[in-house]
């Protein structure tokens, strides 16, 4: 081989080793972060925040009569305004991630960042 090819291959090999080492260090630092997922949604999937959420912490869920039978009414903080309304609310102003997790499990809710939480 000519000396030009040897120099190019040597420089490319050194750059590759440095790049792979840097990527490995960055990946290792990512494993030492806190619990996964680092953030969670304010509401369970399919729920929406009401306009009063910023002051009262109310979160509402609009559902059909078929979903009312999924035991959504059995958790703390859930209320139905009257027997025929299909609007549920959950107040999460002062609840912890653990209590939200228990609430989601008890009511068969999928809550991204809560139902898949590991501490």
PDB file of N, CA and C in Angstrom:
ATOM      1  N   UNK A   1       0.829  -1.180   0.000  1.00  0.00           N
ATOM      2  CA  UNK A   1       0.000   0.000   0.000  1.00  0.00           C
ATOM      3  C   UNK A   1       0.870   1.240   0.000  1.00  0.00           C
ATOM      4  N   UNK A   2       0.324   2.231  -0.554  1.00  0.00           N
ATOM      5  CA  UNK A   2       1.039   3.496  -0.543  1.00  0.00           C
ATOM      6  C   UNK A   2       0.899   4.160   0.816  1.00  0.00           C
ATOM      7  N   UNK A   3       1.801   5.043   1.100  1.00  0.00           N
ATOM      8  CA  UNK A   3       1.776   5.715   2.406  1.00  0.00           C
ATOM      9  C   UNK A   3       0.518   6.571   2.582  1.00  0.00           C
ATOM     10  N   UNK A   4      -0.028   7.099   1.495  1.00  0.00           N
ATOM     11  CA  UNK A   4      -1.262   7.893   1.575  1.00  0.00           C
ATOM     12  C   UNK A   4      -2.407   7.045   2.116  1.00  0.00           C
ATOM     13  N   UNK A   5      -2.579   5.827   1.602  1.00  0.00           N
ATOM     14  CA  UNK A   5      -3.655   4.938   2.057  1.00  0.00           C
ATOM     15  C   UNK A   5      -3.477   4.565   3.526  1.00  0.00           C
ATOM     16  N   UNK A   6      -2.260   4.320   3.928  1.00  0.00           N
ATOM     17  CA  UNK A   6      -1.989   3.957   5.322  1.00  0.00           C
ATOM     18  C   UNK A   6      -2.331   5.115   6.256  1.00  0.00           C
ATOM     19  N   UNK A   7      -1.969   6.324   5.857  1.00  0.00           N
ATOM     20  CA  UNK A   7      -2.274   7.503   6.681  1.00  0.00           C
ATOM     21  C   UNK A   7      -3.783   7.708   6.786  1.00  0.00           C
ATOM     22  N   UNK A   8      -4.500   7.587   5.672  1.00  0.00           N
ATOM     23  CA  UNK A   8      -5.958   7.768   5.667  1.00  0.00           C
ATOM     24  C   UNK A   8      -6.631   6.699   6.526  1.00  0.00           C
ATOM     25  N   UNK A   9      -6.229   5.444   6.394  1.00  0.00           N
ATOM     26  CA  UNK A   9      -6.817   4.371   7.199  1.00  0.00           C
ATOM     27  C   UNK A   9      -6.510   4.548   8.681  1.00  0.00           C
ATOM     28  N   UNK A  10      -5.327   4.999   9.018  1.00  0.00           N
ATOM     29  CA  UNK A  10      -4.962   5.227  10.418  1.00  0.00           C
ATOM     30  C   UNK A  10      -5.807   6.343  11.024  1.00  0.00           C
ATOM     31  N   UNK A  11      -5.949   7.447  10.311  1.00  0.00           N
ATOM     32  CA  UNK A  11      -6.762   8.570  10.802  1.00  0.00           C
ATOM     33  C   UNK A  11      -8.226   8.151  10.924  1.00  0.00           C
ATOM     34  N   UNK A  12      -8.748   7.430   9.943  1.00  0.00           N
ATOM     35  CA  UNK A  12     -10.145   6.977   9.994  1.00  0.00           C
ATOM     36  C   UNK A  12     -10.372   6.025  11.163  1.00  0.00           C
ATOM     37  N   UNK A  13      -9.420   5.143  11.429  1.00  0.00           N
ATOM     38  CA  UNK A  13      -9.539   4.211  12.554  1.00  0.00           C
ATOM     39  C   UNK A  13      -9.528   4.955  13.885  1.00  0.00           C
ATOM     40  N   UNK A  14      -8.660   5.934  14.013  1.00  0.00           N
ATOM     41  CA  UNK A  14      -8.600   6.724  15.251  1.00  0.00           C
ATOM     42  C   UNK A  14      -9.903   7.495  15.464  1.00  0.00           C
ATOM     43  N   UNK A  15     -10.424   8.102  14.420  1.00  0.00           N
ATOM     44  CA  UNK A  15     -11.695   8.835  14.527  1.00  0.00           C
ATOM     45  C   UNK A  15     -12.831   7.883  14.889  1.00  0.00           C
ATOM     46  N   UNK A  16     -12.858   6.686  14.311  1.00  0.00           N
ATOM     47  CA  UNK A  16     -13.896   5.704  14.623  1.00  0.00           C
ATOM     48  C   UNK A  16     -13.824   5.278  16.087  1.00  0.00           C
ATOM     49  N   UNK A  17     -12.630   5.031  16.587  1.00  0.00           N
ATOM     50  CA  UNK A  17     -12.470   4.627  17.993  1.00  0.00           C
ATOM     51  C   UNK A  17     -12.935   5.743  18.927  1.00  0.00           C
ATOM     52  N   UNK A  18     -12.568   6.978  18.624  1.00  0.00           N
ATOM     53  CA  UNK A  18     -12.989   8.112  19.457  1.00  0.00           C
ATOM     54  C   UNK A  18     -14.508   8.277  19.415  1.00  0.00           C
ATOM     55  N   UNK A  19     -15.100   8.164  18.226  1.00  0.00           N
ATOM     56  CA  UNK A  19     -16.555   8.317  18.092  1.00  0.00           C
ATOM     57  C   UNK A  19     -17.296   7.216  18.846  1.00  0.00           C
ATOM     58  N   UNK A  20     -16.863   5.972  18.717  1.00  0.00           N
ATOM     59  CA  UNK A  20     -17.526   4.871  19.420  1.00  0.00           C
ATOM     60  C   UNK A  20     -17.352   4.989  20.930  1.00  0.00           C
ATOM     61  N   UNK A  21     -16.187   5.431  21.369  1.00  0.00           N
ATOM     62  CA  UNK A  21     -15.967   5.640  22.802  1.00  0.00           C
ATOM     63  C   UNK A  21     -16.870   6.728  23.360  1.00  0.00           C
ATOM     64  N   UNK A  22     -17.013   7.819  22.622  1.00  0.00           N
ATOM     65  CA  UNK A  22     -17.893   8.912  23.051  1.00  0.00           C
ATOM     66  C   UNK A  22     -19.340   8.455  23.120  1.00  0.00           C
ATOM     67  N   UNK A  23     -19.796   7.734  22.116  1.00  0.00           N
ATOM     68  CA  UNK A  23     -21.172   7.224  22.113  1.00  0.00           C
ATOM     69  C   UNK A  23     -21.388   6.272  23.284  1.00  0.00           C
ATOM     70  N   UNK A  24     -20.424   5.412  23.548  1.00  0.00           N
ATOM     71  CA  UNK A  24     -20.533   4.488  24.677  1.00  0.00           C
ATOM     72  C   UNK A  24     -20.624   5.206  26.007  1.00  0.00           C
ATOM     73  N   UNK A  25     -19.819   6.244  26.202  1.00  0.00           N
ATOM     74  CA  UNK A  25     -19.872   7.022  27.445  1.00  0.00           C
ATOM     75  C   UNK A  25     -21.212   7.738  27.598  1.00  0.00           C
ATOM     76  N   UNK A  26     -21.722   8.304  26.513  1.00  0.00           N
ATOM     77  CA  UNK A  26     -23.018   8.987  26.573  1.00  0.00           C
ATOM     78  C   UNK A  26     -24.149   8.012  26.891  1.00  0.00           C
ATOM     79  N   UNK A  27     -24.097   6.818  26.323  1.00  0.00           N
ATOM     80  CA  UNK A  27     -25.126   5.818  26.610  1.00  0.00           C
ATOM     81  C   UNK A  27     -25.038   5.351  28.056  1.00  0.00           C
ATOM     82  N   UNK A  28     -23.842   5.228  28.579  1.00  0.00           N
ATOM     83  CA  UNK A  28     -23.666   4.810  29.968  1.00  0.00           C
ATOM     84  C   UNK A  28     -24.204   5.865  30.928  1.00  0.00           C
ATOM     85  N   UNK A  29     -24.004   7.128  30.631  1.00  0.00           N
ATOM     86  CA  UNK A  29     -24.524   8.199  31.482  1.00  0.00           C
ATOM     87  C   UNK A  29     -26.051   8.220  31.470  1.00  0.00           C
ATOM     88  N   UNK A  30     -26.675   7.858  30.350  1.00  0.00           N
ATOM     89  CA  UNK A  30     -28.131   7.816  30.256  1.00  0.00           C
ATOM     90  C   UNK A  30     -28.742   6.752  31.142  1.00  0.00           C
ATOM     91  N   UNK A  31     -28.015   5.672  31.417  1.00  0.00           N
ATOM     92  CA  UNK A  31     -28.524   4.598  32.269  1.00  0.00           C
ATOM     93  C   UNK A  31     -28.560   4.986  33.733  1.00  0.00           C
ATOM     94  N   UNK A  32     -27.828   5.999  34.126  1.00  0.00           N
ATOM     95  CA  UNK A  32     -27.744   6.389  35.522  1.00  0.00           C
ATOM     96  C   UNK A  32     -28.772   7.452  35.894  1.00  0.00           C
ATOM     97  N   UNK A  33     -29.644   7.795  34.974  1.00  0.00           N
ATOM     98  CA  UNK A  33     -30.667   8.810  35.245  1.00  0.00           C
ATOM     99  C   UNK A  33     -31.723   8.236  36.184  1.00  0.00           C
ATOM    100  N   UNK A  34     -32.703   9.041  36.548  1.00  0.00           N
ATOM    101  CA  UNK A  34     -33.743   8.655  37.495  1.00  0.00           C
ATOM    102  C   UNK A  34     -34.708   7.624  36.951  1.00  0.00           C
ATOM    103  N   UNK A  35     -35.882   7.557  37.522  1.00  0.00           N
ATOM    104  CA  UNK A  35     -36.863   6.548  37.126  1.00  0.00           C
ATOM    105  C   UNK A  35     -37.358   6.758  35.703  1.00  0.00           C
ATOM    106  N   UNK A  36     -37.847   5.680  35.119  1.00  0.00           N
ATOM    107  CA  UNK A  36     -38.382   5.746  33.765  1.00  0.00           C
ATOM    108  C   UNK A  36     -39.884   5.597  33.817  1.00  0.00           C
ATOM    109  N   UNK A  37     -40.625   6.341  33.071  1.00  0.00           N
ATOM    110  CA  UNK A  37     -40.264   7.483  32.253  1.00  0.00           C
ATOM    111  C   UNK A  37     -40.036   8.714  33.110  1.00  0.00           C
ATOM    112  N   UNK A  38     -39.179   9.620  32.663  1.00  0.00           N
ATOM    113  CA  UNK A  38     -38.842  10.772  33.486  1.00  0.00           C
ATOM    114  C   UNK A  38     -39.993  11.759  33.668  1.00  0.00           C
ATOM    115  N   UNK A  39     -40.934  11.774  32.749  1.00  0.00           N
ATOM    116  CA  UNK A  39     -42.101  12.649  32.876  1.00  0.00           C
ATOM    117  C   UNK A  39     -43.354  11.834  32.627  1.00  0.00           C
ATOM    118  N   UNK A  40     -44.472  12.337  33.073  1.00  0.00           N
ATOM    119  CA  UNK A  40     -45.739  11.662  32.805  1.00  0.00           C
ATOM    120  C   UNK A  40     -46.755  12.684  32.333  1.00  0.00           C
ATOM    121  N   UNK A  41     -47.752  12.202  31.636  1.00  0.00           N
ATOM    122  CA  UNK A  41     -48.821  13.080  31.190  1.00  0.00           C
ATOM    123  C   UNK A  41     -49.668  13.506  32.378  1.00  0.00           C
ATOM    124  N   UNK A  42     -50.303  14.657  32.271  1.00  0.00           N
ATOM    125  CA  UNK A  42     -51.163  15.126  33.351  1.00  0.00           C
ATOM    126  C   UNK A  42     -52.438  14.302  33.440  1.00  0.00           C
ATOM    127  N   UNK A  43     -52.869  13.750  32.319  1.00  0.00           N
ATOM    128  CA  UNK A  43     -54.141  13.039  32.263  1.00  0.00           C
ATOM    129  C   UNK A  43     -53.937  11.618  31.746  1.00  0.00           C
ATOM    130  N   UNK A  44     -54.820  10.693  32.147  1.00  0.00           N
ATOM    131  CA  UNK A  44     -54.786   9.359  31.528  1.00  0.00           C
ATOM    132  C   UNK A  44     -55.087   9.464  30.034  1.00  0.00           C
ATOM    133  N   UNK A  45     -54.679   8.454  29.276  1.00  0.00           N
ATOM    134  CA  UNK A  45     -54.927   8.460  27.840  1.00  0.00           C
ATOM    135  C   UNK A  45     -56.422   8.541  27.573  1.00  0.00           C
ATOM    136  N   UNK A  46     -56.828   9.443  26.690  1.00  0.00           N
ATOM    137  CA  UNK A  46     -58.228   9.637  26.351  1.00  0.00           C
ATOM    138  C   UNK A  46     -58.914  10.680  27.214  1.00  0.00           C
ATOM    139  N   UNK A  47     -58.276  11.141  28.254  1.00  0.00           N
ATOM    140  CA  UNK A  47     -58.842  12.169  29.124  1.00  0.00           C
ATOM    141  C   UNK A  47     -58.336  13.532  28.658  1.00  0.00           C
ATOM    142  N   UNK A  48     -59.062  14.585  29.003  1.00  0.00           N
ATOM    143  CA  UNK A  48     -58.644  15.935  28.646  1.00  0.00           C
ATOM    144  C   UNK A  48     -58.700  16.833  29.867  1.00  0.00           C
ATOM    145  N   UNK A  49     -57.856  17.845  29.873  1.00  0.00           N
ATOM    146  CA  UNK A  49     -57.869  18.811  30.962  1.00  0.00           C
ATOM    147  C   UNK A  49     -59.021  19.784  30.749  1.00  0.00           C
ATOM    148  N   UNK A  50     -59.663  20.172  31.834  1.00  0.00           N
ATOM    149  CA  UNK A  50     -60.696  21.194  31.735  1.00  0.00           C
ATOM    150  C   UNK A  50     -60.037  22.554  31.822  1.00  0.00           C
ATOM    151  N   UNK A  51     -60.811  23.591  31.563  1.00  0.00           N
ATOM    152  CA  UNK A  51     -60.253  24.942  31.632  1.00  0.00           C
ATOM    153  C   UNK A  51     -59.879  25.307  33.057  1.00  0.00           C
ATOM    154  N   UNK A  52     -60.468  24.625  34.029  1.00  0.00           N
ATOM    155  CA  UNK A  52     -60.193  24.936  35.428  1.00  0.00           C
ATOM    156  C   UNK A  52     -59.012  24.148  35.981  1.00  0.00           C
ATOM    157  N   UNK A  53     -58.353  23.361  35.154  1.00  0.00           N
ATOM    158  CA  UNK A  53     -57.292  22.481  35.636  1.00  0.00           C
ATOM    159  C   UNK A  53     -56.173  23.245  36.324  1.00  0.00           C
ATOM    160  N   UNK A  54     -55.827  24.402  35.807  1.00  0.00           N
ATOM    161  CA  UNK A  54     -54.691  25.119  36.384  1.00  0.00           C
ATOM    162  C   UNK A  54     -54.959  25.571  37.815  1.00  0.00           C
ATOM    163  N   UNK A  55     -56.225  25.774  38.173  1.00  0.00           N
ATOM    164  CA  UNK A  55     -56.509  26.231  39.531  1.00  0.00           C
ATOM    165  C   UNK A  55     -57.031  25.120  40.426  1.00  0.00           C
ATOM    166  N   UNK A  56     -57.846  24.219  39.883  1.00  0.00           N
ATOM    167  CA  UNK A  56     -58.448  23.192  40.733  1.00  0.00           C
ATOM    168  C   UNK A  56     -57.847  21.819  40.540  1.00  0.00           C
ATOM    169  N   UNK A  57     -57.173  21.582  39.435  1.00  0.00           N
ATOM    170  CA  UNK A  57     -56.580  20.279  39.189  1.00  0.00           C
ATOM    171  C   UNK A  57     -57.555  19.276  38.609  1.00  0.00           C
ATOM    172  N   UNK A  58     -58.738  19.715  38.157  1.00  0.00           N
ATOM    173  CA  UNK A  58     -59.723  18.781  37.622  1.00  0.00           C
ATOM    174  C   UNK A  58     -59.326  18.301  36.237  1.00  0.00           C
ATOM    175  N   UNK A  59     -59.498  17.013  36.018  1.00  0.00           N
ATOM    176  CA  UNK A  59     -59.277  16.387  34.723  1.00  0.00           C
ATOM    177  C   UNK A  59     -60.558  15.643  34.398  1.00  0.00           C
ATOM    178  N   UNK A  60     -61.046  15.760  33.171  1.00  0.00           N
ATOM    179  CA  UNK A  60     -62.317  15.131  32.834  1.00  0.00           C
ATOM    180  C   UNK A  60     -62.127  14.033  31.802  1.00  0.00           C
ATOM    181  N   UNK A  61     -63.069  13.119  31.804  1.00  0.00           N
ATOM    182  CA  UNK A  61     -63.067  12.010  30.865  1.00  0.00           C
ATOM    183  C   UNK A  61     -64.462  11.889  30.286  1.00  0.00           C
ATOM    184  N   UNK A  62     -64.602  12.070  29.008  1.00  0.00           N
ATOM    185  CA  UNK A  62     -65.881  11.895  28.350  1.00  0.00           C
ATOM    186  C   UNK A  62     -65.938  10.468  27.834  1.00  0.00           C
ATOM    187  N   UNK A  63     -66.994   9.765  28.190  1.00  0.00           N
ATOM    188  CA  UNK A  63     -67.057   8.359  27.821  1.00  0.00           C
ATOM    189  C   UNK A  63     -68.466   8.002  27.374  1.00  0.00           C
ATOM    190  N   UNK A  64     -68.589   6.848  26.755  1.00  0.00           N
ATOM    191  CA  UNK A  64     -69.901   6.344  26.380  1.00  0.00           C
ATOM    192  C   UNK A  64     -70.443   5.506  27.526  1.00  0.00           C
ATOM    193  N   UNK A  65     -71.715   5.162  27.458  1.00  0.00           N
ATOM    194  CA  UNK A  65     -72.313   4.388  28.548  1.00  0.00           C
ATOM    195  C   UNK A  65     -71.665   3.010  28.667  1.00  0.00           C
ATOM    196  N   UNK A  66     -71.081   2.498  27.589  1.00  0.00           N
ATOM    197  CA  UNK A  66     -70.448   1.178  27.671  1.00  0.00           C
ATOM    198  C   UNK A  66     -69.166   1.224  28.499  1.00  0.00           C
ATOM    199  N   UNK A  67     -68.460   2.354  28.517  1.00  0.00           N
ATOM    200  CA  UNK A  67     -67.230   2.425  29.296  1.00  0.00           C
ATOM    201  C   UNK A  67     -67.494   2.713  30.762  1.00  0.00           C
ATOM    202  N   UNK A  68     -68.701   3.141  31.117  1.00  0.00           N
ATOM    203  CA  UNK A  68     -69.000   3.371  32.525  1.00  0.00           C
ATOM    204  C   UNK A  68     -68.982   2.071  33.306  1.00  0.00           C
ATOM    205  N   UNK A  69     -69.167   0.940  32.639  1.00  0.00           N
ATOM    206  CA  UNK A  69     -69.152  -0.344  33.310  1.00  0.00           C
ATOM    207  C   UNK A  69     -67.761  -0.882  33.570  1.00  0.00           C
ATOM    208  N   UNK A  70     -66.726  -0.151  33.204  1.00  0.00           N
ATOM    209  CA  UNK A  70     -65.353  -0.621  33.392  1.00  0.00           C
ATOM    210  C   UNK A  70     -64.814  -0.301  34.771  1.00  0.00           C
ATOM    211  N   UNK A  71     -65.666  -0.040  35.710  1.00  0.00           N
ATOM    212  CA  UNK A  71     -65.259   0.247  37.084  1.00  0.00           C
ATOM    213  C   UNK A  71     -64.470   1.553  37.182  1.00  0.00           C
ATOM    214  N   UNK A  72     -64.828   2.533  36.355  1.00  0.00           N
ATOM    215  CA  UNK A  72     -64.161   3.823  36.405  1.00  0.00           C
ATOM    216  C   UNK A  72     -64.604   4.651  37.601  1.00  0.00           C
ATOM    217  N   UNK A  73     -65.703   4.270  38.231  1.00  0.00           N
ATOM    218  CA  UNK A  73     -66.252   5.078  39.308  1.00  0.00           C
ATOM    219  C   UNK A  73     -65.737   4.686  40.678  1.00  0.00           C
ATOM    220  N   UNK A  74     -64.892   3.676  40.766  1.00  0.00           N
ATOM    221  CA  UNK A  74     -64.528   3.139  42.072  1.00  0.00           C
ATOM    222  C   UNK A  74     -63.316   3.797  42.711  1.00  0.00           C
ATOM    223  N   UNK A  75     -62.681   4.742  42.047  1.00  0.00           N
ATOM    224  CA  UNK A  75     -61.449   5.294  42.598  1.00  0.00           C
ATOM    225  C   UNK A  75     -61.656   6.571  43.376  1.00  0.00           C
ATOM    226  N   UNK A  76     -60.698   6.881  44.203  1.00  0.00           N
ATOM    227  CA  UNK A  76     -60.733   8.140  44.931  1.00  0.00           C
ATOM    228  C   UNK A  76     -60.577   9.289  43.947  1.00  0.00           C
ATOM    229  N   UNK A  77     -61.315  10.341  44.188  1.00  0.00           N
ATOM    230  CA  UNK A  77     -61.172  11.530  43.373  1.00  0.00           C
ATOM    231  C   UNK A  77     -61.994  11.518  42.108  1.00  0.00           C
ATOM    232  N   UNK A  78     -62.762  10.461  41.852  1.00  0.00           N
ATOM    233  CA  UNK A  78     -63.601  10.430  40.662  1.00  0.00           C
ATOM    234  C   UNK A  78     -65.030  10.732  41.071  1.00  0.00           C
ATOM    235  N   UNK A  79     -65.665  11.600  40.342  1.00  0.00           N
ATOM    236  CA  UNK A  79     -67.056  11.926  40.623  1.00  0.00           C
ATOM    237  C   UNK A  79     -67.836  11.965  39.327  1.00  0.00           C
ATOM    238  N   UNK A  80     -69.110  11.695  39.406  1.00  0.00           N
ATOM    239  CA  UNK A  80     -70.019  11.857  38.283  1.00  0.00           C
ATOM    240  C   UNK A  80     -71.006  12.928  38.708  1.00  0.00           C
ATOM    241  N   UNK A  81     -71.224  13.914  37.851  1.00  0.00           N
ATOM    242  CA  UNK A  81     -72.058  15.036  38.267  1.00  0.00           C
ATOM    243  C   UNK A  81     -73.490  14.612  38.544  1.00  0.00           C
ATOM    244  N   UNK A  82     -74.034  13.723  37.742  1.00  0.00           N
ATOM    245  CA  UNK A  82     -75.313  13.100  38.079  1.00  0.00           C
ATOM    246  C   UNK A  82     -75.359  11.727  37.429  1.00  0.00           C
ATOM    247  N   UNK A  83     -76.411  10.977  37.679  1.00  0.00           N
ATOM    248  CA  UNK A  83     -76.461   9.593  37.225  1.00  0.00           C
ATOM    249  C   UNK A  83     -76.448   9.410  35.727  1.00  0.00           C
ATOM    250  N   UNK A  84     -76.850  10.424  34.953  1.00  0.00           N
ATOM    251  CA  UNK A  84     -76.932  10.242  33.512  1.00  0.00           C
ATOM    252  C   UNK A  84     -75.790  10.905  32.748  1.00  0.00           C
ATOM    253  N   UNK A  85     -75.028  11.774  33.392  1.00  0.00           N
ATOM    254  CA  UNK A  85     -73.922  12.424  32.688  1.00  0.00           C
ATOM    255  C   UNK A  85     -72.830  11.421  32.353  1.00  0.00           C
ATOM    256  N   UNK A  86     -72.202  11.645  31.230  1.00  0.00           N
ATOM    257  CA  UNK A  86     -71.109  10.782  30.807  1.00  0.00           C
ATOM    258  C   UNK A  86     -69.788  11.540  30.923  1.00  0.00           C
ATOM    259  N   UNK A  87     -69.692  12.382  31.924  1.00  0.00           N
ATOM    260  CA  UNK A  87     -68.479  13.149  32.158  1.00  0.00           C
ATOM    261  C   UNK A  87     -67.959  12.805  33.546  1.00  0.00           C
ATOM    262  N   UNK A  88     -66.775  12.257  33.604  1.00  0.00           N
ATOM    263  CA  UNK A  88     -66.148  11.921  34.875  1.00  0.00           C
ATOM    264  C   UNK A  88     -65.035  12.925  35.129  1.00  0.00           C
ATOM    265  N   UNK A  89     -64.715  13.145  36.383  1.00  0.00           N
ATOM    266  CA  UNK A  89     -63.593  14.031  36.671  1.00  0.00           C
ATOM    267  C   UNK A  89     -62.697  13.402  37.721  1.00  0.00           C
ATOM    268  N   UNK A  90     -61.432  13.742  37.638  1.00  0.00           N
ATOM    269  CA  UNK A  90     -60.434  13.243  38.575  1.00  0.00           C
ATOM    270  C   UNK A  90     -59.571  14.429  38.964  1.00  0.00           C
ATOM    271  N   UNK A  91     -59.443  14.671  40.240  1.00  0.00           N
ATOM    272  CA  UNK A  91     -58.652  15.797  40.707  1.00  0.00           C
ATOM    273  C   UNK A  91     -57.283  15.290  41.122  1.00  0.00           C
ATOM    274  N   UNK A  92     -56.244  15.732  40.425  1.00  0.00           N
ATOM    275  CA  UNK A  92     -54.891  15.246  40.731  1.00  0.00           C
ATOM    276  C   UNK A  92     -53.987  16.340  41.270  1.00  0.00           C
ATOM    277  N   UNK A  93     -54.561  17.360  41.853  1.00  0.00           N
ATOM    278  CA  UNK A  93     -53.750  18.499  42.284  1.00  0.00           C
ATOM    279  C   UNK A  93     -52.671  18.114  43.292  1.00  0.00           C
ATOM    280  N   UNK A  94     -52.991  17.227  44.218  1.00  0.00           N
ATOM    281  CA  UNK A  94     -52.015  16.926  45.267  1.00  0.00           C
ATOM    282  C   UNK A  94     -51.677  15.443  45.355  1.00  0.00           C
ATOM    283  N   UNK A  95     -51.918  14.672  44.296  1.00  0.00           N
ATOM    284  CA  UNK A  95     -51.638  13.244  44.361  1.00  0.00           C
ATOM    285  C   UNK A  95     -50.218  12.947  43.891  1.00  0.00           C
ATOM    286  N   UNK A  96     -49.661  11.878  44.417  1.00  0.00           N
ATOM    287  CA  UNK A  96     -48.312  11.465  44.048  1.00  0.00           C
ATOM    288  C   UNK A  96     -48.368  10.495  42.876  1.00  0.00           C
ATOM    289  N   UNK A  97     -47.212  10.202  42.312  1.00  0.00           N
ATOM    290  CA  UNK A  97     -47.139   9.247  41.210  1.00  0.00           C
ATOM    291  C   UNK A  97     -47.624   7.879  41.659  1.00  0.00           C
ATOM    292  N   UNK A  98     -47.310   7.495  42.884  1.00  0.00           N
ATOM    293  CA  UNK A  98     -47.725   6.192  43.404  1.00  0.00           C
ATOM    294  C   UNK A  98     -49.247   6.104  43.505  1.00  0.00           C
ATOM    295  N   UNK A  99     -49.890   7.153  43.994  1.00  0.00           N
ATOM    296  CA  UNK A  99     -51.352   7.107  44.103  1.00  0.00           C
ATOM    297  C   UNK A  99     -52.011   7.151  42.732  1.00  0.00           C
ATOM    298  N   UNK A 100     -51.409   7.873  41.776  1.00  0.00           N
ATOM    299  CA  UNK A 100     -51.936   7.871  40.412  1.00  0.00           C
ATOM    300  C   UNK A 100     -51.804   6.474  39.801  1.00  0.00           C
ATOM    301  N   UNK A 101     -50.677   5.793  40.079  1.00  0.00           N
ATOM    302  CA  UNK A 101     -50.463   4.439  39.572  1.00  0.00           C
ATOM    303  C   UNK A 101     -51.519   3.487  40.129  1.00  0.00           C
ATOM    304  N   UNK A 102     -51.773   3.562  41.434  1.00  0.00           N
ATOM    305  CA  UNK A 102     -52.789   2.705  42.047  1.00  0.00           C
ATOM    306  C   UNK A 102     -54.167   3.003  41.477  1.00  0.00           C
ATOM    307  N   UNK A 103     -54.467   4.283  41.263  1.00  0.00           N
ATOM    308  CA  UNK A 103     -55.739   4.681  40.673  1.00  0.00           C
ATOM    309  C   UNK A 103     -55.882   4.110  39.261  1.00  0.00           C
ATOM    310  N   UNK A 104     -54.830   4.209  38.450  1.00  0.00           N
ATOM    311  CA  UNK A 104     -54.876   3.693  37.081  1.00  0.00           C
ATOM    312  C   UNK A 104     -55.036   2.177  37.073  1.00  0.00           C
ATOM    313  N   UNK A 105     -54.342   1.469  37.959  1.00  0.00           N
ATOM    314  CA  UNK A 105     -54.462   0.014  38.030  1.00  0.00           C
ATOM    315  C   UNK A 105     -55.850  -0.405  38.492  1.00  0.00           C
ATOM    316  N   UNK A 106     -56.383   0.282  39.499  1.00  0.00           N
ATOM    317  CA  UNK A 106     -57.686  -0.061  40.056  1.00  0.00           C
ATOM    318  C   UNK A 106     -58.801   0.133  39.031  1.00  0.00           C
ATOM    319  N   UNK A 107     -58.644   1.119  38.140  1.00  0.00           N
ATOM    320  CA  UNK A 107     -59.698   1.447  37.195  1.00  0.00           C
ATOM    321  C   UNK A 107     -59.383   1.028  35.764  1.00  0.00           C
ATOM    322  N   UNK A 108     -58.370   0.191  35.583  1.00  0.00           N
ATOM    323  CA  UNK A 108     -57.995  -0.318  34.258  1.00  0.00           C
ATOM    324  C   UNK A 108     -57.755   0.807  33.256  1.00  0.00           C
ATOM    325  N   UNK A 109     -57.030   1.835  33.680  1.00  0.00           N
ATOM    326  CA  UNK A 109     -56.723   2.965  32.814  1.00  0.00           C
ATOM    327  C   UNK A 109     -55.305   2.850  32.284  1.00  0.00           C
ATOM    328  N   UNK A 110     -55.123   3.285  31.059  1.00  0.00           N
ATOM    329  CA  UNK A 110     -53.785   3.405  30.497  1.00  0.00           C
ATOM    330  C   UNK A 110     -53.390   4.866  30.663  1.00  0.00           C
ATOM    331  N   UNK A 111     -52.338   5.108  31.407  1.00  0.00           N
ATOM    332  CA  UNK A 111     -51.885   6.464  31.698  1.00  0.00           C
ATOM    333  C   UNK A 111     -50.400   6.502  31.407  1.00  0.00           C
ATOM    334  N   UNK A 112     -50.041   7.023  30.251  1.00  0.00           N
ATOM    335  CA  UNK A 112     -48.652   7.028  29.812  1.00  0.00           C
ATOM    336  C   UNK A 112     -47.788   7.780  30.813  1.00  0.00           C
ATOM    337  N   UNK A 113     -46.758   7.127  31.292  1.00  0.00           N
ATOM    338  CA  UNK A 113     -45.883   7.708  32.294  1.00  0.00           C
ATOM    339  C   UNK A 113     -46.288   7.355  33.705  1.00  0.00           C
ATOM    340  N   UNK A 114     -47.479   6.822  33.897  1.00  0.00           N
ATOM    341  CA  UNK A 114     -47.941   6.403  35.220  1.00  0.00           C
ATOM    342  C   UNK A 114     -48.130   4.892  35.247  1.00  0.00           C
ATOM    343  N   UNK A 115     -48.926   4.344  34.313  1.00  0.00           N
ATOM    344  CA  UNK A 115     -49.196   2.907  34.344  1.00  0.00           C
ATOM    345  C   UNK A 115     -47.969   2.083  33.961  1.00  0.00           C
ATOM    346  N   UNK A 116     -46.970   2.696  33.330  1.00  0.00           N
ATOM    347  CA  UNK A 116     -45.728   1.984  33.015  1.00  0.00           C
ATOM    348  C   UNK A 116     -44.565   2.513  33.846  1.00  0.00           C
ATOM    349  N   UNK A 117     -44.860   3.085  34.996  1.00  0.00           N
ATOM    350  CA  UNK A 117     -43.847   3.720  35.855  1.00  0.00           C
ATOM    351  C   UNK A 117     -43.082   2.681  36.657  1.00  0.00           C
ATOM    352  N   UNK A 118     -41.777   2.823  36.713  1.00  0.00           N
ATOM    353  CA  UNK A 118     -40.971   2.018  37.642  1.00  0.00           C
ATOM    354  C   UNK A 118     -40.078   2.962  38.418  1.00  0.00           C
ATOM    355  N   UNK A 119     -40.069   2.821  39.711  1.00  0.00           N
ATOM    356  CA  UNK A 119     -39.296   3.755  40.533  1.00  0.00           C
ATOM    357  C   UNK A 119     -37.960   3.170  40.926  1.00  0.00           C
TER     358      UNK A 119
END
